[in-house]
Amino acid sequence: MGFGFALLRLSPKDFWTMTPRELAAAFGAFSGRSALFGPAGGPLRAGELAALIERFPDQT
């Protein structure tokens, strides 16, 4: 709970509506290790982000 309230600064409502998977993903972002999938890959590189943007363009 301290992680959710102190580090993530979630409201009680937001904290209690998070799924365990969402909380684990948030924890992985802070720890550098995904609680579900092993070592976190870190932030996307510019080329990886560009490829995702091209593959999944915003709908207008």
PDB file of N, CA and C in Angstrom:
ATOM      1  N   MET A   1       0.813  -1.170   0.000  1.00  0.00           N
ATOM      2  CA  MET A   1       0.000   0.000   0.000  1.00  0.00           C
ATOM      3  C   MET A   1       0.867   1.249   0.000  1.00  0.00           C
ATOM      4  N   GLY A   2       1.954   1.198   0.744  1.00  0.00           N
ATOM      5  CA  GLY A   2       2.853   2.344   0.775  1.00  0.00           C
ATOM      6  C   GLY A   2       3.394   2.671  -0.604  1.00  0.00           C
ATOM      7  N   PHE A   3       3.684   1.661  -1.389  1.00  0.00           N
ATOM      8  CA  PHE A   3       4.169   1.877  -2.751  1.00  0.00           C
ATOM      9  C   PHE A   3       3.119   2.623  -3.571  1.00  0.00           C
ATOM     10  N   GLY A   4       1.888   2.181  -3.491  1.00  0.00           N
ATOM     11  CA  GLY A   4       0.822   2.802  -4.272  1.00  0.00           C
ATOM     12  C   GLY A   4       0.519   4.224  -3.841  1.00  0.00           C
ATOM     13  N   PHE A   5       0.472   4.438  -2.520  1.00  0.00           N
ATOM     14  CA  PHE A   5       0.113   5.764  -2.032  1.00  0.00           C
ATOM     15  C   PHE A   5       1.296   6.732  -2.040  1.00  0.00           C
ATOM     16  N   ALA A   6       2.460   6.285  -1.608  1.00  0.00           N
ATOM     17  CA  ALA A   6       3.606   7.192  -1.464  1.00  0.00           C
ATOM     18  C   ALA A   6       4.355   7.402  -2.780  1.00  0.00           C
ATOM     19  N   LEU A   7       4.736   6.335  -3.456  1.00  0.00           N
ATOM     20  CA  LEU A   7       5.528   6.485  -4.680  1.00  0.00           C
ATOM     21  C   LEU A   7       4.677   6.792  -5.902  1.00  0.00           C
ATOM     22  N   LEU A   8       3.588   6.058  -6.064  1.00  0.00           N
ATOM     23  CA  LEU A   8       2.738   6.288  -7.233  1.00  0.00           C
ATOM     24  C   LEU A   8       1.763   7.440  -7.021  1.00  0.00           C
ATOM     25  N   ARG A   9       1.595   7.833  -5.765  1.00  0.00           N
ATOM     26  CA  ARG A   9       0.677   8.929  -5.400  1.00  0.00           C
ATOM     27  C   ARG A   9      -0.735   8.696  -5.918  1.00  0.00           C
ATOM     28  N   LEU A  10      -1.178   7.459  -5.762  1.00  0.00           N
ATOM     29  CA  LEU A  10      -2.528   7.110  -6.182  1.00  0.00           C
ATOM     30  C   LEU A  10      -3.537   7.531  -5.126  1.00  0.00           C
ATOM     31  N   SER A  11      -4.726   7.842  -5.574  1.00  0.00           N
ATOM     32  CA  SER A  11      -5.817   8.075  -4.629  1.00  0.00           C
ATOM     33  C   SER A  11      -6.244   6.705  -4.100  1.00  0.00           C
ATOM     34  N   PRO A  12      -6.887   6.644  -2.949  1.00  0.00           N
ATOM     35  CA  PRO A  12      -7.371   5.345  -2.458  1.00  0.00           C
ATOM     36  C   PRO A  12      -8.263   4.640  -3.480  1.00  0.00           C
ATOM     37  N   LYS A  13      -9.134   5.397  -4.142  1.00  0.00           N
ATOM     38  CA  LYS A  13     -10.018   4.788  -5.147  1.00  0.00           C
ATOM     39  C   LYS A  13      -9.213   4.158  -6.270  1.00  0.00           C
ATOM     40  N   ASP A  14      -8.207   4.898  -6.787  1.00  0.00           N
ATOM     41  CA  ASP A  14      -7.390   4.367  -7.885  1.00  0.00           C
ATOM     42  C   ASP A  14      -6.569   3.161  -7.442  1.00  0.00           C
ATOM     43  N   PHE A  15      -6.032   3.228  -6.221  1.00  0.00           N
ATOM     44  CA  PHE A  15      -5.239   2.101  -5.726  1.00  0.00           C
ATOM     45  C   PHE A  15      -6.091   0.837  -5.630  1.00  0.00           C
ATOM     46  N   TRP A  16      -7.262   0.945  -5.042  1.00  0.00           N
ATOM     47  CA  TRP A  16      -8.094  -0.235  -4.801  1.00  0.00           C
ATOM     48  C   TRP A  16      -8.757  -0.758  -6.069  1.00  0.00           C
ATOM     49  N   THR A  17      -8.789   0.030  -7.140  1.00  0.00           N
ATOM     50  CA  THR A  17      -9.348  -0.485  -8.390  1.00  0.00           C
ATOM     51  C   THR A  17      -8.273  -1.047  -9.319  1.00  0.00           C
ATOM     52  N   MET A  18      -7.000  -0.920  -8.944  1.00  0.00           N
ATOM     53  CA  MET A  18      -5.923  -1.505  -9.748  1.00  0.00           C
ATOM     54  C   MET A  18      -5.989  -3.022  -9.674  1.00  0.00           C
ATOM     55  N   THR A  19      -5.674  -3.659 -10.791  1.00  0.00           N
ATOM     56  CA  THR A  19      -5.560  -5.113 -10.784  1.00  0.00           C
ATOM     57  C   THR A  19      -4.163  -5.484 -10.284  1.00  0.00           C
ATOM     58  N   PRO A  20      -3.991  -6.701  -9.806  1.00  0.00           N
ATOM     59  CA  PRO A  20      -2.644  -7.126  -9.407  1.00  0.00           C
ATOM     60  C   PRO A  20      -1.631  -7.006 -10.541  1.00  0.00           C
ATOM     61  N   ARG A  21      -2.061  -7.248 -11.760  1.00  0.00           N
ATOM     62  CA  ARG A  21      -1.163  -7.139 -12.921  1.00  0.00           C
ATOM     63  C   ARG A  21      -0.723  -5.690 -13.129  1.00  0.00           C
ATOM     64  N   GLU A  22      -1.648  -4.733 -12.973  1.00  0.00           N
ATOM     65  CA  GLU A  22      -1.298  -3.316 -13.118  1.00  0.00           C
ATOM     66  C   GLU A  22      -0.332  -2.881 -12.025  1.00  0.00           C
ATOM     67  N   LEU A  23      -0.573  -3.324 -10.806  1.00  0.00           N
ATOM     68  CA  LEU A  23       0.323  -2.979  -9.707  1.00  0.00           C
ATOM     69  C   LEU A  23       1.710  -3.581  -9.925  1.00  0.00           C
ATOM     70  N   ALA A  24       1.759  -4.817 -10.405  1.00  0.00           N
ATOM     71  CA  ALA A  24       3.046  -5.460 -10.680  1.00  0.00           C
ATOM     72  C   ALA A  24       3.798  -4.725 -11.789  1.00  0.00           C
ATOM     73  N   ALA A  25       3.080  -4.266 -12.816  1.00  0.00           N
ATOM     74  CA  ALA A  25       3.726  -3.527 -13.902  1.00  0.00           C
ATOM     75  C   ALA A  25       4.278  -2.199 -13.392  1.00  0.00           C
ATOM     76  N   ALA A  26       3.529  -1.524 -12.530  1.00  0.00           N
ATOM     77  CA  ALA A  26       4.004  -0.263 -11.960  1.00  0.00           C
ATOM     78  C   ALA A  26       5.229  -0.503 -11.097  1.00  0.00           C
ATOM     79  N   PHE A  27       5.221  -1.564 -10.317  1.00  0.00           N
ATOM     80  CA  PHE A  27       6.368  -1.892  -9.486  1.00  0.00           C
ATOM     81  C   PHE A  27       7.587  -2.187 -10.358  1.00  0.00           C
ATOM     82  N   GLY A  28       7.374  -2.886 -11.454  1.00  0.00           N
ATOM     83  CA  GLY A  28       8.474  -3.199 -12.359  1.00  0.00           C
ATOM     84  C   GLY A  28       9.104  -1.957 -12.956  1.00  0.00           C
ATOM     85  N   ALA A  29       8.294  -0.937 -13.208  1.00  0.00           N
ATOM     86  CA  ALA A  29       8.828   0.315 -13.752  1.00  0.00           C
ATOM     87  C   ALA A  29       9.761   0.992 -12.762  1.00  0.00           C
ATOM     88  N   PHE A  30       9.496   0.858 -11.477  1.00  0.00           N
ATOM     89  CA  PHE A  30      10.341   1.475 -10.453  1.00  0.00           C
ATOM     90  C   PHE A  30      11.554   0.622 -10.116  1.00  0.00           C
ATOM     91  N   SER A  31      11.397  -0.692 -10.174  1.00  0.00           N
ATOM     92  CA  SER A  31      12.475  -1.572  -9.728  1.00  0.00           C
ATOM     93  C   SER A  31      13.420  -1.978 -10.856  1.00  0.00           C
ATOM     94  N   GLY A  32      13.017  -1.760 -12.101  1.00  0.00           N
ATOM     95  CA  GLY A  32      13.843  -2.202 -13.219  1.00  0.00           C
ATOM     96  C   GLY A  32      13.699  -3.670 -13.509  1.00  0.00           C
ATOM     97  N   ARG A  33      12.753  -4.308 -12.859  1.00  0.00           N
ATOM     98  CA  ARG A  33      12.504  -5.727 -13.075  1.00  0.00           C
ATOM     99  C   ARG A  33      11.004  -5.951 -13.064  1.00  0.00           C
ATOM    100  N   SER A  34      10.502  -6.588 -14.086  1.00  0.00           N
ATOM    101  CA  SER A  34       9.083  -6.878 -14.149  1.00  0.00           C
ATOM    102  C   SER A  34       8.770  -8.030 -13.218  1.00  0.00           C
ATOM    103  N   ALA A  35       7.806  -7.840 -12.354  1.00  0.00           N
ATOM    104  CA  ALA A  35       7.400  -8.896 -11.426  1.00  0.00           C
ATOM    105  C   ALA A  35       6.767 -10.068 -12.159  1.00  0.00           C
ATOM    106  N   LEU A  36       6.304  -9.857 -13.374  1.00  0.00           N
ATOM    107  CA  LEU A  36       5.624 -10.910 -14.114  1.00  0.00           C
ATOM    108  C   LEU A  36       6.468 -11.531 -15.222  1.00  0.00           C
ATOM    109  N   PHE A  37       7.360 -10.759 -15.826  1.00  0.00           N
ATOM    110  CA  PHE A  37       8.032 -11.231 -17.033  1.00  0.00           C
ATOM    111  C   PHE A  37       9.549 -11.214 -16.978  1.00  0.00           C
ATOM    112  N   GLY A  38      10.156 -11.085 -15.831  1.00  0.00           N
ATOM    113  CA  GLY A  38      11.606 -11.079 -15.739  1.00  0.00           C
ATOM    114  C   GLY A  38      12.169  -9.678 -15.868  1.00  0.00           C
ATOM    115  N   PRO A  39      13.437  -9.556 -16.251  1.00  0.00           N
ATOM    116  CA  PRO A  39      14.070  -8.231 -16.306  1.00  0.00           C
ATOM    117  C   PRO A  39      13.334  -7.280 -17.247  1.00  0.00           C
ATOM    118  N   ALA A  40      13.141  -6.069 -16.788  1.00  0.00           N
ATOM    119  CA  ALA A  40      12.483  -5.067 -17.625  1.00  0.00           C
ATOM    120  C   ALA A  40      13.436  -4.641 -18.725  1.00  0.00           C
ATOM    121  N   GLY A  41      12.895  -4.356 -19.881  1.00  0.00           N
ATOM    122  CA  GLY A  41      13.713  -3.989 -21.022  1.00  0.00           C
ATOM    123  C   GLY A  41      14.155  -2.543 -21.014  1.00  0.00           C
ATOM    124  N   GLY A  42      13.621  -1.754 -20.120  1.00  0.00           N
ATOM    125  CA  GLY A  42      13.960  -0.339 -20.087  1.00  0.00           C
ATOM    126  C   GLY A  42      13.086   0.446 -21.039  1.00  0.00           C
ATOM    127  N   PRO A  43      13.355   1.720 -21.160  1.00  0.00           N
ATOM    128  CA  PRO A  43      12.536   2.556 -22.039  1.00  0.00           C
ATOM    129  C   PRO A  43      12.763   2.211 -23.504  1.00  0.00           C
ATOM    130  N   LEU A  44      11.778   2.529 -24.323  1.00  0.00           N
ATOM    131  CA  LEU A  44      11.905   2.299 -25.759  1.00  0.00           C
ATOM    132  C   LEU A  44      12.963   3.213 -26.354  1.00  0.00           C
ATOM    133  N   ARG A  45      13.681   2.695 -27.337  1.00  0.00           N
ATOM    134  CA  ARG A  45      14.594   3.529 -28.095  1.00  0.00           C
ATOM    135  C   ARG A  45      13.791   4.266 -29.158  1.00  0.00           C
ATOM    136  N   ALA A  46      14.348   5.321 -29.723  1.00  0.00           N
ATOM    137  CA  ALA A  46      13.638   6.139 -30.705  1.00  0.00           C
ATOM    138  C   ALA A  46      13.145   5.296 -31.880  1.00  0.00           C
ATOM    139  N   GLY A  47      13.962   4.402 -32.368  1.00  0.00           N
ATOM    140  CA  GLY A  47      13.568   3.560 -33.498  1.00  0.00           C
ATOM    141  C   GLY A  47      12.426   2.616 -33.151  1.00  0.00           C
ATOM    142  N   GLU A  48      12.424   2.098 -31.929  1.00  0.00           N
ATOM    143  CA  GLU A  48      11.348   1.206 -31.501  1.00  0.00           C
ATOM    144  C   GLU A  48      10.035   1.969 -31.388  1.00  0.00           C
ATOM    145  N   LEU A  49      10.111   3.177 -30.850  1.00  0.00           N
ATOM    146  CA  LEU A  49       8.910   4.004 -30.737  1.00  0.00           C
ATOM    147  C   LEU A  49       8.385   4.356 -32.121  1.00  0.00           C
ATOM    148  N   ALA A  50       9.258   4.726 -33.032  1.00  0.00           N
ATOM    149  CA  ALA A  50       8.841   5.075 -34.392  1.00  0.00           C
ATOM    150  C   ALA A  50       8.166   3.885 -35.067  1.00  0.00           C
ATOM    151  N   ALA A  51       8.690   2.695 -34.880  1.00  0.00           N
ATOM    152  CA  ALA A  51       8.090   1.497 -35.475  1.00  0.00           C
ATOM    153  C   ALA A  51       6.698   1.241 -34.908  1.00  0.00           C
ATOM    154  N   LEU A  52       6.522   1.449 -33.612  1.00  0.00           N
ATOM    155  CA  LEU A  52       5.204   1.269 -33.006  1.00  0.00           C
ATOM    156  C   LEU A  52       4.209   2.310 -33.509  1.00  0.00           C
ATOM    157  N   ILE A  53       4.675   3.549 -33.638  1.00  0.00           N
ATOM    158  CA  ILE A  53       3.797   4.613 -34.138  1.00  0.00           C
ATOM    159  C   ILE A  53       3.358   4.304 -35.568  1.00  0.00           C
ATOM    160  N   GLU A  54       4.274   3.800 -36.385  1.00  0.00           N
ATOM    161  CA  GLU A  54       3.927   3.458 -37.761  1.00  0.00           C
ATOM    162  C   GLU A  54       2.962   2.275 -37.801  1.00  0.00           C
ATOM    163  N   ARG A  55       3.191   1.298 -36.946  1.00  0.00           N
ATOM    164  CA  ARG A  55       2.348   0.092 -36.935  1.00  0.00           C
ATOM    165  C   ARG A  55       0.962   0.376 -36.354  1.00  0.00           C
ATOM    166  N   PHE A  56       0.876   1.236 -35.377  1.00  0.00           N
ATOM    167  CA  PHE A  56      -0.386   1.538 -34.694  1.00  0.00           C
ATOM    168  C   PHE A  56      -0.651   3.032 -34.705  1.00  0.00           C
ATOM    169  N   PRO A  57      -1.008   3.600 -35.872  1.00  0.00           N
ATOM    170  CA  PRO A  57      -1.228   5.045 -35.948  1.00  0.00           C
ATOM    171  C   PRO A  57      -2.475   5.447 -35.147  1.00  0.00           C
ATOM    172  N   ASP A  58      -2.478   6.692 -34.676  1.00  0.00           N
ATOM    173  CA  ASP A  58      -3.650   7.223 -33.974  1.00  0.00           C
ATOM    174  C   ASP A  58      -4.804   7.338 -34.954  1.00  0.00           C
ATOM    175  N   GLN A  59      -5.981   7.016 -34.471  1.00  0.00           N
ATOM    176  CA  GLN A  59      -7.187   7.167 -35.278  1.00  0.00           C
ATOM    177  C   GLN A  59      -7.759   8.556 -35.064  1.00  0.00           C
ATOM    178  N   THR A  60      -8.181   9.207 -36.130  1.00  0.00           N
ATOM    179  CA  THR A  60      -8.795  10.531 -35.996  1.00  0.00           C
ATOM    180  C   THR A  60     -10.256  10.480 -36.383  1.00  0.00           C
TER     181      THR A  60
END
